[in-house]
Amino acid sequence: MTGKINIAIVDDNHFLQKAVAEKLSFYEDVFPKIFAANGAEIVEALVKEKHIDLILMDIEMPKMNGIEATKIIKKNHPQIKIIMLTVFDNDEHIFNAIQAGADGYLMKEVAPDVLYDGICETLKGGAAMNPSIAMKTLKLLRNPVDFSKDEEEVSLSDREIEVLEQVSKGLSYTQIAENLFLSPSTIRKHIENIYKKLQVHSKMEAVQKA
């Protein structure tokens, strides 16, 4: 690969951000230009910095997860390649990532040379994938699974609806607890139950789905 490759590393764990950058430090043509802690941050960063060739995107992050961010970025900046770099290899995450427009899917423990080769391959129009992920993707393509739960009736309790309304205002667990005269741990439990019932992984997804 010739020329400089400008990349963004998106992960809510700063240690893992640095670990990925360290893996790529062996390759002089790869330049980490943006570090972001969640999907919302990278979407916002790309408004100002458009000279990014490829994004290494985590999936589970606060504020906005990697799959939601991928959908937005692919719509606004279709030329930017996105490789999901995650610890999750379940069918639903793989399916949703592909549906969102991800160009590749690698596990975080990937070796530096495999990560670098994956970046180069993706920029040439290929798809970077661990062998296990490739097998699961092939299985999903042969036997599509419907992961949508739209037909299912979701029933939230009155208290859960109150909590969700507070969440939609952007309040913290502590603020919600004070407003509803409950403990922060009780609020956290209510939010866990809401996530399970709505089958979502972030506050933003919960509010949108509700």
N, C-alpha and C. Protein backbone atom coordinates (compact mmCIF):
# COMPACT_ATOMS: atom_id res chain seq x y z
N MET A 1 0.85 -1.19 0.00
CA MET A 1 0.00 0.00 0.00
C MET A 1 0.89 1.24 0.00
N THR A 2 0.66 2.14 -0.92
CA THR A 2 1.47 3.35 -0.96
C THR A 2 0.65 4.53 -0.48
N GLY A 3 1.35 5.55 0.05
CA GLY A 3 0.66 6.75 0.54
C GLY A 3 0.24 6.58 1.99
N LYS A 4 -0.09 7.71 2.63
CA LYS A 4 -0.46 7.70 4.04
C LYS A 4 -1.90 7.26 4.21
N ILE A 5 -2.16 6.42 5.22
CA ILE A 5 -3.51 5.96 5.53
C ILE A 5 -3.96 6.65 6.82
N ASN A 6 -4.90 7.56 6.71
CA ASN A 6 -5.44 8.25 7.88
C ASN A 6 -6.58 7.43 8.47
N ILE A 7 -6.42 7.05 9.74
CA ILE A 7 -7.47 6.25 10.37
C ILE A 7 -8.02 6.92 11.63
N ALA A 8 -9.21 6.46 12.03
CA ALA A 8 -9.81 6.87 13.30
C ALA A 8 -9.98 5.61 14.14
N ILE A 9 -9.69 5.71 15.43
CA ILE A 9 -9.87 4.60 16.35
C ILE A 9 -10.97 4.98 17.32
N VAL A 10 -12.06 4.20 17.32
CA VAL A 10 -13.22 4.53 18.15
C VAL A 10 -13.45 3.42 19.18
N ASP A 11 -13.25 3.76 20.45
CA ASP A 11 -13.41 2.78 21.53
C ASP A 11 -13.60 3.55 22.83
N ASP A 12 -14.51 3.12 23.68
CA ASP A 12 -14.74 3.84 24.93
C ASP A 12 -13.68 3.53 25.98
N ASN A 13 -12.82 2.55 25.69
CA ASN A 13 -11.72 2.21 26.60
C ASN A 13 -10.43 2.85 26.07
N HIS A 14 -9.93 3.86 26.77
CA HIS A 14 -8.74 4.58 26.30
C HIS A 14 -7.50 3.69 26.24
N PHE A 15 -7.44 2.72 27.14
CA PHE A 15 -6.31 1.78 27.13
C PHE A 15 -6.32 0.97 25.83
N LEU A 16 -7.52 0.53 25.42
CA LEU A 16 -7.63 -0.26 24.19
C LEU A 16 -7.39 0.61 22.95
N GLN A 17 -7.77 1.88 23.01
CA GLN A 17 -7.44 2.81 21.92
C GLN A 17 -5.92 2.82 21.70
N LYS A 18 -5.20 2.98 22.81
CA LYS A 18 -3.73 3.05 22.74
C LYS A 18 -3.13 1.72 22.29
N ALA A 19 -3.77 0.61 22.72
CA ALA A 19 -3.27 -0.72 22.35
C ALA A 19 -3.38 -0.93 20.83
N VAL A 20 -4.50 -0.46 20.25
CA VAL A 20 -4.68 -0.59 18.80
C VAL A 20 -3.66 0.29 18.07
N ALA A 21 -3.48 1.52 18.57
CA ALA A 21 -2.50 2.44 17.97
C ALA A 21 -1.09 1.84 18.05
N GLU A 22 -0.80 1.17 19.17
CA GLU A 22 0.51 0.54 19.37
C GLU A 22 0.73 -0.57 18.35
N LYS A 23 -0.31 -1.36 18.08
CA LYS A 23 -0.20 -2.44 17.08
C LYS A 23 0.15 -1.87 15.71
N LEU A 24 -0.43 -0.72 15.41
CA LEU A 24 -0.24 -0.13 14.08
C LEU A 24 1.00 0.76 13.99
N SER A 25 1.67 0.98 15.13
CA SER A 25 2.85 1.85 15.14
C SER A 25 4.02 1.24 14.37
N PHE A 26 3.95 -0.07 14.09
CA PHE A 26 5.00 -0.75 13.32
C PHE A 26 4.95 -0.35 11.84
N TYR A 27 3.83 0.23 11.43
CA TYR A 27 3.62 0.51 10.00
C TYR A 27 3.61 2.01 9.77
N GLU A 28 4.63 2.50 9.09
CA GLU A 28 4.83 3.95 8.93
C GLU A 28 3.76 4.63 8.09
N ASP A 29 3.04 3.86 7.25
CA ASP A 29 2.04 4.49 6.39
C ASP A 29 0.68 4.64 7.06
N VAL A 30 0.52 4.09 8.29
CA VAL A 30 -0.75 4.21 9.01
C VAL A 30 -0.65 5.32 10.05
N PHE A 31 -1.56 6.27 9.97
CA PHE A 31 -1.52 7.42 10.86
C PHE A 31 -2.85 7.58 11.60
N PRO A 32 -2.90 7.26 12.92
CA PRO A 32 -4.14 7.47 13.69
C PRO A 32 -4.39 8.97 13.87
N LYS A 33 -5.40 9.47 13.18
CA LYS A 33 -5.66 10.92 13.16
C LYS A 33 -6.73 11.34 14.16
N ILE A 34 -7.67 10.42 14.43
CA ILE A 34 -8.76 10.73 15.37
C ILE A 34 -8.89 9.60 16.38
N PHE A 35 -9.05 9.96 17.66
CA PHE A 35 -9.40 9.01 18.71
C PHE A 35 -10.76 9.46 19.26
N ALA A 36 -11.72 8.57 19.29
CA ALA A 36 -13.05 8.92 19.81
C ALA A 36 -13.51 7.86 20.80
N ALA A 37 -14.30 8.28 21.80
CA ALA A 37 -14.72 7.37 22.87
C ALA A 37 -16.11 6.77 22.64
N ASN A 38 -16.81 7.22 21.61
CA ASN A 38 -18.13 6.65 21.32
C ASN A 38 -18.57 7.06 19.92
N GLY A 39 -19.69 6.52 19.48
CA GLY A 39 -20.18 6.80 18.14
C GLY A 39 -20.50 8.25 17.90
N ALA A 40 -21.08 8.89 18.91
CA ALA A 40 -21.46 10.31 18.76
C ALA A 40 -20.22 11.17 18.53
N GLU A 41 -19.13 10.85 19.23
CA GLU A 41 -17.89 11.63 19.10
C GLU A 41 -17.29 11.53 17.69
N ILE A 42 -17.29 10.31 17.13
CA ILE A 42 -16.69 10.16 15.79
C ILE A 42 -17.58 10.81 14.73
N VAL A 43 -18.89 10.72 14.89
CA VAL A 43 -19.80 11.37 13.93
C VAL A 43 -19.56 12.88 13.94
N GLU A 44 -19.41 13.43 15.14
CA GLU A 44 -19.16 14.88 15.28
C GLU A 44 -17.78 15.26 14.74
N ALA A 45 -16.77 14.43 15.02
CA ALA A 45 -15.39 14.72 14.58
C ALA A 45 -15.29 14.76 13.06
N LEU A 46 -16.08 13.91 12.39
CA LEU A 46 -16.01 13.83 10.93
C LEU A 46 -16.64 15.04 10.23
N VAL A 47 -17.36 15.84 10.99
CA VAL A 47 -17.92 17.07 10.42
C VAL A 47 -16.77 18.04 10.11
N LYS A 48 -15.75 18.04 10.99
CA LYS A 48 -14.61 18.94 10.82
C LYS A 48 -13.46 18.28 10.05
N GLU A 49 -13.21 17.00 10.35
CA GLU A 49 -12.08 16.30 9.73
C GLU A 49 -12.59 15.24 8.76
N LYS A 50 -12.57 15.58 7.48
CA LYS A 50 -13.13 14.66 6.48
C LYS A 50 -12.05 13.77 5.83
N HIS A 51 -10.77 14.06 6.11
CA HIS A 51 -9.70 13.31 5.46
C HIS A 51 -9.34 12.05 6.26
N ILE A 52 -10.34 11.18 6.40
CA ILE A 52 -10.15 9.89 7.07
C ILE A 52 -10.43 8.80 6.05
N ASP A 53 -9.51 7.85 5.96
CA ASP A 53 -9.67 6.76 4.99
C ASP A 53 -10.44 5.59 5.57
N LEU A 54 -10.20 5.32 6.87
CA LEU A 54 -10.78 4.12 7.47
C LEU A 54 -10.98 4.31 8.96
N ILE A 55 -12.05 3.71 9.48
CA ILE A 55 -12.35 3.78 10.92
C ILE A 55 -12.33 2.37 11.50
N LEU A 56 -11.64 2.21 12.64
CA LEU A 56 -11.69 0.97 13.42
C LEU A 56 -12.71 1.23 14.52
N MET A 57 -13.85 0.55 14.45
CA MET A 57 -15.02 0.90 15.27
C MET A 57 -15.38 -0.20 16.27
N ASP A 58 -15.39 0.16 17.55
CA ASP A 58 -15.90 -0.74 18.58
C ASP A 58 -17.43 -0.80 18.45
N ILE A 59 -18.06 -1.79 19.04
CA ILE A 59 -19.53 -1.89 18.95
C ILE A 59 -20.20 -1.35 20.21
N GLU A 60 -19.93 -1.95 21.36
CA GLU A 60 -20.60 -1.55 22.59
C GLU A 60 -19.94 -0.31 23.18
N MET A 61 -20.63 0.84 23.07
CA MET A 61 -20.12 2.10 23.62
C MET A 61 -21.29 2.92 24.14
N PRO A 62 -21.03 3.82 25.10
CA PRO A 62 -22.11 4.68 25.60
C PRO A 62 -22.47 5.76 24.58
N LYS A 63 -23.59 6.43 24.83
CA LYS A 63 -24.10 7.55 24.01
C LYS A 63 -24.57 7.09 22.62
N MET A 64 -23.68 6.47 21.86
CA MET A 64 -24.07 5.92 20.56
C MET A 64 -23.16 4.74 20.26
N ASN A 65 -23.74 3.56 20.01
CA ASN A 65 -22.90 2.39 19.75
C ASN A 65 -22.32 2.42 18.34
N GLY A 66 -21.41 1.48 18.09
CA GLY A 66 -20.70 1.47 16.81
C GLY A 66 -21.56 1.17 15.61
N ILE A 67 -22.61 0.39 15.80
CA ILE A 67 -23.48 0.05 14.68
C ILE A 67 -24.31 1.26 14.25
N GLU A 68 -24.85 1.98 15.22
CA GLU A 68 -25.61 3.21 14.90
C GLU A 68 -24.70 4.24 14.22
N ALA A 69 -23.48 4.37 14.76
CA ALA A 69 -22.53 5.32 14.19
C ALA A 69 -22.17 4.94 12.75
N THR A 70 -22.00 3.63 12.51
CA THR A 70 -21.67 3.15 11.17
C THR A 70 -22.76 3.52 10.17
N LYS A 71 -24.02 3.36 10.57
CA LYS A 71 -25.16 3.72 9.69
C LYS A 71 -25.07 5.19 9.28
N ILE A 72 -24.84 6.06 10.27
CA ILE A 72 -24.79 7.51 10.02
C ILE A 72 -23.60 7.87 9.14
N ILE A 73 -22.43 7.32 9.48
CA ILE A 73 -21.21 7.65 8.73
C ILE A 73 -21.31 7.16 7.29
N LYS A 74 -21.84 5.96 7.10
CA LYS A 74 -21.98 5.43 5.73
C LYS A 74 -22.95 6.27 4.89
N LYS A 75 -23.90 6.89 5.56
CA LYS A 75 -24.85 7.76 4.85
C LYS A 75 -24.20 9.09 4.50
N ASN A 76 -23.45 9.65 5.46
CA ASN A 76 -22.85 10.98 5.27
C ASN A 76 -21.49 10.95 4.57
N HIS A 77 -20.73 9.89 4.78
CA HIS A 77 -19.38 9.79 4.22
C HIS A 77 -19.18 8.39 3.64
N PRO A 78 -19.89 8.04 2.56
CA PRO A 78 -19.83 6.67 2.04
C PRO A 78 -18.44 6.21 1.60
N GLN A 79 -17.54 7.17 1.36
CA GLN A 79 -16.19 6.80 0.92
C GLN A 79 -15.32 6.27 2.05
N ILE A 80 -15.70 6.54 3.30
CA ILE A 80 -14.89 6.09 4.44
C ILE A 80 -15.18 4.61 4.72
N LYS A 81 -14.12 3.81 4.80
CA LYS A 81 -14.25 2.39 5.10
C LYS A 81 -14.34 2.21 6.62
N ILE A 82 -15.12 1.22 7.03
CA ILE A 82 -15.28 0.96 8.47
C ILE A 82 -15.08 -0.52 8.76
N ILE A 83 -14.14 -0.80 9.68
CA ILE A 83 -13.93 -2.17 10.16
C ILE A 83 -14.38 -2.21 11.62
N MET A 84 -15.31 -3.09 11.93
CA MET A 84 -15.71 -3.27 13.33
C MET A 84 -14.57 -4.01 14.03
N LEU A 85 -14.11 -3.47 15.14
CA LEU A 85 -13.02 -4.09 15.91
C LEU A 85 -13.58 -4.31 17.31
N THR A 86 -13.93 -5.55 17.63
CA THR A 86 -14.76 -5.80 18.81
C THR A 86 -14.42 -7.12 19.49
N VAL A 87 -14.99 -7.32 20.66
CA VAL A 87 -14.86 -8.61 21.36
C VAL A 87 -16.10 -9.47 21.12
N PHE A 88 -17.11 -8.91 20.45
CA PHE A 88 -18.37 -9.62 20.24
C PHE A 88 -18.39 -10.33 18.88
N ASP A 89 -18.59 -11.66 18.90
CA ASP A 89 -18.65 -12.39 17.64
C ASP A 89 -19.98 -13.13 17.50
N ASN A 90 -21.04 -12.64 18.21
CA ASN A 90 -22.33 -13.31 18.08
C ASN A 90 -23.02 -12.93 16.77
N ASP A 91 -23.91 -13.79 16.32
CA ASP A 91 -24.55 -13.63 15.02
C ASP A 91 -25.27 -12.29 14.87
N GLU A 92 -25.93 -11.86 15.94
CA GLU A 92 -26.73 -10.62 15.85
C GLU A 92 -25.84 -9.40 15.60
N HIS A 93 -24.71 -9.32 16.30
CA HIS A 93 -23.80 -8.19 16.10
C HIS A 93 -23.23 -8.20 14.68
N ILE A 94 -22.85 -9.39 14.21
CA ILE A 94 -22.29 -9.50 12.86
C ILE A 94 -23.33 -9.08 11.83
N PHE A 95 -24.54 -9.62 11.97
CA PHE A 95 -25.64 -9.30 11.04
C PHE A 95 -25.92 -7.81 11.03
N ASN A 96 -26.05 -7.22 12.23
CA ASN A 96 -26.36 -5.79 12.32
C ASN A 96 -25.24 -4.92 11.76
N ALA A 97 -24.00 -5.33 11.97
CA ALA A 97 -22.85 -4.57 11.45
C ALA A 97 -22.86 -4.58 9.92
N ILE A 98 -23.12 -5.75 9.34
CA ILE A 98 -23.18 -5.86 7.88
C ILE A 98 -24.33 -5.02 7.33
N GLN A 99 -25.49 -5.11 8.01
CA GLN A 99 -26.66 -4.33 7.59
C GLN A 99 -26.37 -2.83 7.65
N ALA A 100 -25.57 -2.43 8.64
CA ALA A 100 -25.25 -1.00 8.82
C ALA A 100 -24.27 -0.50 7.77
N GLY A 101 -23.58 -1.43 7.09
CA GLY A 101 -22.64 -1.03 6.04
C GLY A 101 -21.18 -1.23 6.36
N ALA A 102 -20.89 -1.98 7.44
CA ALA A 102 -19.48 -2.22 7.81
C ALA A 102 -18.75 -2.94 6.67
N ASP A 103 -17.49 -2.57 6.47
CA ASP A 103 -16.68 -3.15 5.39
C ASP A 103 -15.85 -4.34 5.87
N GLY A 104 -15.76 -4.51 7.18
CA GLY A 104 -14.98 -5.61 7.72
C GLY A 104 -15.34 -5.83 9.18
N TYR A 105 -14.89 -6.96 9.74
CA TYR A 105 -15.24 -7.31 11.12
C TYR A 105 -14.10 -8.14 11.69
N LEU A 106 -13.35 -7.55 12.62
CA LEU A 106 -12.20 -8.23 13.23
C LEU A 106 -12.34 -8.25 14.75
N MET A 107 -11.73 -9.25 15.37
CA MET A 107 -11.73 -9.33 16.82
C MET A 107 -10.56 -8.51 17.39
N LYS A 108 -10.74 -7.99 18.60
CA LYS A 108 -9.75 -7.08 19.18
C LYS A 108 -8.39 -7.74 19.43
N GLU A 109 -8.38 -9.06 19.61
CA GLU A 109 -7.09 -9.73 19.89
C GLU A 109 -6.30 -10.00 18.62
N VAL A 110 -6.76 -9.49 17.49
CA VAL A 110 -6.09 -9.71 16.21
C VAL A 110 -4.61 -9.26 16.26
N ALA A 111 -3.75 -10.03 15.60
CA ALA A 111 -2.32 -9.71 15.56
C ALA A 111 -2.07 -8.46 14.72
N PRO A 112 -1.01 -7.70 15.02
CA PRO A 112 -0.72 -6.46 14.27
C PRO A 112 -0.68 -6.64 12.76
N ASP A 113 -0.01 -7.72 12.29
CA ASP A 113 0.10 -7.92 10.84
C ASP A 113 -1.24 -8.22 10.19
N VAL A 114 -2.10 -8.96 10.92
CA VAL A 114 -3.44 -9.28 10.39
C VAL A 114 -4.29 -8.02 10.34
N LEU A 115 -4.16 -7.17 11.36
CA LEU A 115 -4.91 -5.91 11.39
C LEU A 115 -4.46 -5.00 10.25
N TYR A 116 -3.17 -4.88 10.08
CA TYR A 116 -2.63 -4.03 9.00
C TYR A 116 -3.06 -4.56 7.62
N ASP A 117 -2.92 -5.88 7.43
CA ASP A 117 -3.33 -6.48 6.15
C ASP A 117 -4.82 -6.26 5.91
N GLY A 118 -5.60 -6.36 7.00
CA GLY A 118 -7.05 -6.15 6.90
C GLY A 118 -7.38 -4.73 6.47
N ILE A 119 -6.65 -3.76 7.00
CA ILE A 119 -6.86 -2.36 6.64
C ILE A 119 -6.55 -2.17 5.15
N CYS A 120 -5.39 -2.68 4.72
CA CYS A 120 -4.99 -2.54 3.31
C CYS A 120 -5.98 -3.23 2.38
N GLU A 121 -6.41 -4.43 2.76
CA GLU A 121 -7.34 -5.20 1.94
C GLU A 121 -8.68 -4.47 1.81
N THR A 122 -9.15 -3.90 2.92
CA THR A 122 -10.43 -3.19 2.93
C THR A 122 -10.35 -1.94 2.06
N LEU A 123 -9.23 -1.23 2.13
CA LEU A 123 -9.07 -0.01 1.32
C LEU A 123 -9.00 -0.33 -0.18
N LYS A 124 -8.64 -1.58 -0.50
CA LYS A 124 -8.61 -1.99 -1.91
C LYS A 124 -9.97 -2.51 -2.38
N GLY A 125 -10.94 -2.52 -1.46
CA GLY A 125 -12.28 -2.98 -1.84
C GLY A 125 -12.63 -4.34 -1.30
N GLY A 126 -11.71 -4.94 -0.53
CA GLY A 126 -11.98 -6.26 0.05
C GLY A 126 -12.74 -6.13 1.36
N ALA A 127 -12.80 -7.23 2.10
CA ALA A 127 -13.50 -7.24 3.39
C ALA A 127 -12.64 -7.97 4.41
N ALA A 128 -12.16 -7.25 5.41
CA ALA A 128 -11.32 -7.84 6.45
C ALA A 128 -12.19 -8.61 7.43
N MET A 129 -11.89 -9.90 7.60
CA MET A 129 -12.65 -10.72 8.55
C MET A 129 -11.79 -11.82 9.12
N ASN A 130 -11.96 -12.08 10.43
CA ASN A 130 -11.34 -13.27 11.02
C ASN A 130 -11.99 -14.49 10.38
N PRO A 131 -11.27 -15.61 10.24
CA PRO A 131 -11.86 -16.82 9.64
C PRO A 131 -13.18 -17.22 10.31
N SER A 132 -13.24 -17.14 11.66
CA SER A 132 -14.47 -17.54 12.36
C SER A 132 -15.63 -16.62 12.01
N ILE A 133 -15.34 -15.32 11.86
CA ILE A 133 -16.37 -14.35 11.49
C ILE A 133 -16.84 -14.59 10.06
N ALA A 134 -15.89 -14.89 9.17
CA ALA A 134 -16.23 -15.17 7.78
C ALA A 134 -17.17 -16.36 7.68
N MET A 135 -16.91 -17.41 8.49
CA MET A 135 -17.77 -18.59 8.48
C MET A 135 -19.17 -18.24 8.97
N LYS A 136 -19.25 -17.43 10.03
CA LYS A 136 -20.56 -17.05 10.56
C LYS A 136 -21.31 -16.18 9.56
N THR A 137 -20.58 -15.29 8.88
CA THR A 137 -21.21 -14.42 7.88
C THR A 137 -21.78 -15.25 6.74
N LEU A 138 -21.01 -16.25 6.30
CA LEU A 138 -21.47 -17.12 5.23
C LEU A 138 -22.73 -17.86 5.67
N LYS A 139 -22.73 -18.32 6.91
CA LYS A 139 -23.90 -19.04 7.45
C LYS A 139 -25.12 -18.12 7.48
N LEU A 140 -24.91 -16.87 7.89
CA LEU A 140 -26.02 -15.91 7.95
C LEU A 140 -26.57 -15.60 6.56
N LEU A 141 -25.67 -15.52 5.57
CA LEU A 141 -26.11 -15.24 4.21
C LEU A 141 -26.90 -16.42 3.63
N ARG A 142 -26.48 -17.64 4.01
CA ARG A 142 -27.18 -18.84 3.52
C ARG A 142 -28.50 -19.06 4.24
N ASN A 143 -28.51 -18.75 5.53
CA ASN A 143 -29.72 -18.95 6.35
C ASN A 143 -30.04 -17.67 7.11
N PRO A 144 -30.62 -16.68 6.43
CA PRO A 144 -30.91 -15.39 7.08
C PRO A 144 -31.77 -15.56 8.32
N VAL A 145 -31.40 -14.81 9.34
CA VAL A 145 -32.15 -14.83 10.60
C VAL A 145 -32.78 -13.47 10.80
N ASP A 146 -34.04 -13.45 11.23
CA ASP A 146 -34.70 -12.18 11.50
C ASP A 146 -34.47 -11.80 12.95
N PHE A 147 -33.63 -10.79 13.16
CA PHE A 147 -33.33 -10.37 14.53
C PHE A 147 -34.27 -9.27 15.01
N SER A 148 -35.15 -8.78 14.15
CA SER A 148 -36.05 -7.70 14.54
C SER A 148 -37.13 -8.25 15.46
N LYS A 149 -37.53 -7.46 16.43
CA LYS A 149 -38.55 -7.88 17.40
C LYS A 149 -39.77 -6.96 17.32
N ASP A 150 -39.98 -6.37 16.15
CA ASP A 150 -41.04 -5.38 16.00
C ASP A 150 -42.42 -5.95 16.28
N GLU A 151 -42.58 -7.28 16.00
CA GLU A 151 -43.90 -7.90 16.16
C GLU A 151 -44.21 -8.16 17.63
N GLU A 152 -43.17 -8.15 18.44
CA GLU A 152 -43.33 -8.53 19.83
C GLU A 152 -43.83 -7.35 20.66
N GLU A 153 -44.84 -7.60 21.48
CA GLU A 153 -45.39 -6.55 22.32
C GLU A 153 -44.45 -6.33 23.51
N VAL A 154 -44.00 -5.13 23.71
CA VAL A 154 -43.11 -4.82 24.82
C VAL A 154 -43.89 -4.07 25.88
N SER A 155 -43.86 -4.58 27.10
CA SER A 155 -44.64 -3.97 28.18
C SER A 155 -43.71 -3.43 29.27
N LEU A 156 -43.65 -2.12 29.38
CA LEU A 156 -42.87 -1.48 30.44
C LEU A 156 -43.80 -1.10 31.59
N SER A 157 -43.30 -1.22 32.82
CA SER A 157 -44.10 -0.81 33.97
C SER A 157 -44.18 0.71 34.04
N ASP A 158 -45.11 1.22 34.83
CA ASP A 158 -45.26 2.67 34.98
C ASP A 158 -43.96 3.30 35.47
N ARG A 159 -43.29 2.62 36.41
CA ARG A 159 -42.03 3.15 36.94
C ARG A 159 -40.94 3.15 35.87
N GLU A 160 -40.90 2.09 35.06
CA GLU A 160 -39.90 2.02 33.98
C GLU A 160 -40.13 3.12 32.95
N ILE A 161 -41.39 3.42 32.68
CA ILE A 161 -41.73 4.50 31.74
C ILE A 161 -41.27 5.84 32.32
N GLU A 162 -41.48 6.03 33.64
CA GLU A 162 -41.02 7.27 34.31
C GLU A 162 -39.50 7.41 34.17
N VAL A 163 -38.79 6.31 34.41
CA VAL A 163 -37.32 6.31 34.32
C VAL A 163 -36.89 6.62 32.90
N LEU A 164 -37.54 6.01 31.92
CA LEU A 164 -37.18 6.22 30.52
C LEU A 164 -37.42 7.67 30.10
N GLU A 165 -38.50 8.27 30.62
CA GLU A 165 -38.77 9.69 30.32
C GLU A 165 -37.64 10.58 30.85
N GLN A 166 -37.13 10.22 32.04
CA GLN A 166 -36.03 10.98 32.64
C GLN A 166 -34.75 10.79 31.82
N VAL A 167 -34.54 9.54 31.37
CA VAL A 167 -33.36 9.21 30.54
C VAL A 167 -33.38 10.05 29.26
N SER A 168 -34.58 10.18 28.67
CA SER A 168 -34.72 10.91 27.39
C SER A 168 -34.35 12.38 27.53
N LYS A 169 -34.35 12.88 28.77
CA LYS A 169 -33.96 14.28 29.01
C LYS A 169 -32.45 14.43 29.19
N GLY A 170 -31.74 13.29 29.13
CA GLY A 170 -30.28 13.32 29.24
C GLY A 170 -29.78 13.38 30.67
N LEU A 171 -30.64 13.02 31.63
CA LEU A 171 -30.24 13.09 33.05
C LEU A 171 -29.39 11.90 33.45
N SER A 172 -28.53 12.10 34.44
CA SER A 172 -27.68 11.01 34.94
C SER A 172 -28.49 10.13 35.90
N TYR A 173 -27.93 8.94 36.23
CA TYR A 173 -28.61 8.04 37.16
C TYR A 173 -28.88 8.75 38.49
N THR A 174 -27.90 9.53 38.96
CA THR A 174 -28.03 10.23 40.24
C THR A 174 -29.16 11.25 40.19
N GLN A 175 -29.22 12.02 39.10
CA GLN A 175 -30.29 13.03 38.96
C GLN A 175 -31.66 12.37 38.88
N ILE A 176 -31.74 11.27 38.13
CA ILE A 176 -33.02 10.55 38.02
C ILE A 176 -33.43 10.02 39.39
N ALA A 177 -32.47 9.48 40.13
CA ALA A 177 -32.74 8.94 41.47
C ALA A 177 -33.30 10.02 42.39
N GLU A 178 -32.72 11.21 42.33
CA GLU A 178 -33.19 12.32 43.16
C GLU A 178 -34.60 12.74 42.76
N ASN A 179 -34.85 12.81 41.46
CA ASN A 179 -36.17 13.24 40.96
C ASN A 179 -37.27 12.26 41.34
N LEU A 180 -36.93 10.97 41.35
CA LEU A 180 -37.95 9.94 41.62
C LEU A 180 -37.88 9.41 43.05
N PHE A 181 -37.03 10.01 43.87
CA PHE A 181 -36.87 9.62 45.28
C PHE A 181 -36.50 8.14 45.42
N LEU A 182 -35.55 7.72 44.59
CA LEU A 182 -35.06 6.35 44.63
C LEU A 182 -33.53 6.37 44.72
N SER A 183 -32.93 5.21 44.95
CA SER A 183 -31.46 5.15 44.99
C SER A 183 -30.91 4.97 43.58
N PRO A 184 -29.66 5.43 43.32
CA PRO A 184 -29.06 5.24 42.00
C PRO A 184 -29.00 3.78 41.59
N SER A 185 -28.77 2.86 42.55
CA SER A 185 -28.70 1.43 42.22
C SER A 185 -30.06 0.91 41.74
N THR A 186 -31.14 1.44 42.33
CA THR A 186 -32.50 1.04 41.89
C THR A 186 -32.75 1.55 40.48
N ILE A 187 -32.29 2.76 40.19
CA ILE A 187 -32.45 3.33 38.84
C ILE A 187 -31.67 2.47 37.84
N ARG A 188 -30.45 2.09 38.23
CA ARG A 188 -29.62 1.26 37.35
C ARG A 188 -30.33 -0.06 37.05
N LYS A 189 -30.98 -0.65 38.06
CA LYS A 189 -31.69 -1.92 37.88
C LYS A 189 -32.88 -1.72 36.93
N HIS A 190 -33.60 -0.62 37.10
CA HIS A 190 -34.73 -0.33 36.21
C HIS A 190 -34.25 -0.20 34.76
N ILE A 191 -33.12 0.48 34.59
CA ILE A 191 -32.59 0.70 33.23
C ILE A 191 -32.14 -0.63 32.62
N GLU A 192 -31.55 -1.51 33.44
CA GLU A 192 -31.17 -2.84 32.94
C GLU A 192 -32.40 -3.60 32.45
N ASN A 193 -33.49 -3.51 33.22
CA ASN A 193 -34.73 -4.19 32.84
C ASN A 193 -35.31 -3.60 31.55
N ILE A 194 -35.22 -2.27 31.42
CA ILE A 194 -35.71 -1.60 30.20
C ILE A 194 -34.91 -2.08 28.99
N TYR A 195 -33.58 -2.15 29.14
CA TYR A 195 -32.71 -2.60 28.05
C TYR A 195 -33.08 -4.02 27.62
N LYS A 196 -33.31 -4.89 28.63
CA LYS A 196 -33.66 -6.29 28.32
C LYS A 196 -34.99 -6.36 27.57
N LYS A 197 -35.99 -5.63 28.08
CA LYS A 197 -37.32 -5.68 27.46
C LYS A 197 -37.31 -5.12 26.04
N LEU A 198 -36.59 -4.02 25.84
CA LEU A 198 -36.55 -3.39 24.51
C LEU A 198 -35.48 -4.00 23.62
N GLN A 199 -34.63 -4.86 24.22
CA GLN A 199 -33.53 -5.50 23.50
C GLN A 199 -32.61 -4.46 22.84
N VAL A 200 -32.14 -3.53 23.69
CA VAL A 200 -31.22 -2.49 23.23
C VAL A 200 -30.00 -2.49 24.15
N HIS A 201 -29.00 -1.67 23.78
CA HIS A 201 -27.73 -1.68 24.53
C HIS A 201 -27.29 -0.29 24.96
N SER A 202 -28.09 0.73 24.69
CA SER A 202 -27.68 2.07 25.10
C SER A 202 -28.91 2.91 25.39
N LYS A 203 -28.71 4.03 26.11
CA LYS A 203 -29.81 4.94 26.43
C LYS A 203 -30.47 5.47 25.17
N MET A 204 -29.63 5.86 24.18
CA MET A 204 -30.16 6.42 22.95
C MET A 204 -31.04 5.42 22.22
N GLU A 205 -30.58 4.17 22.13
CA GLU A 205 -31.37 3.14 21.48
C GLU A 205 -32.70 2.92 22.22
N ALA A 206 -32.64 2.92 23.57
CA ALA A 206 -33.85 2.70 24.38
C ALA A 206 -34.88 3.78 24.11
N VAL A 207 -34.43 5.03 24.12
CA VAL A 207 -35.34 6.16 23.89
C VAL A 207 -35.92 6.10 22.49
N GLN A 208 -35.05 5.82 21.49
CA GLN A 208 -35.51 5.76 20.09
C GLN A 208 -36.54 4.65 19.91
N LYS A 209 -36.26 3.47 20.48
CA LYS A 209 -37.16 2.33 20.29
C LYS A 209 -38.49 2.54 21.02
N ALA A 210 -38.41 3.13 22.23
CA ALA A 210 -39.63 3.39 23.00
C ALA A 210 -40.50 4.42 22.31
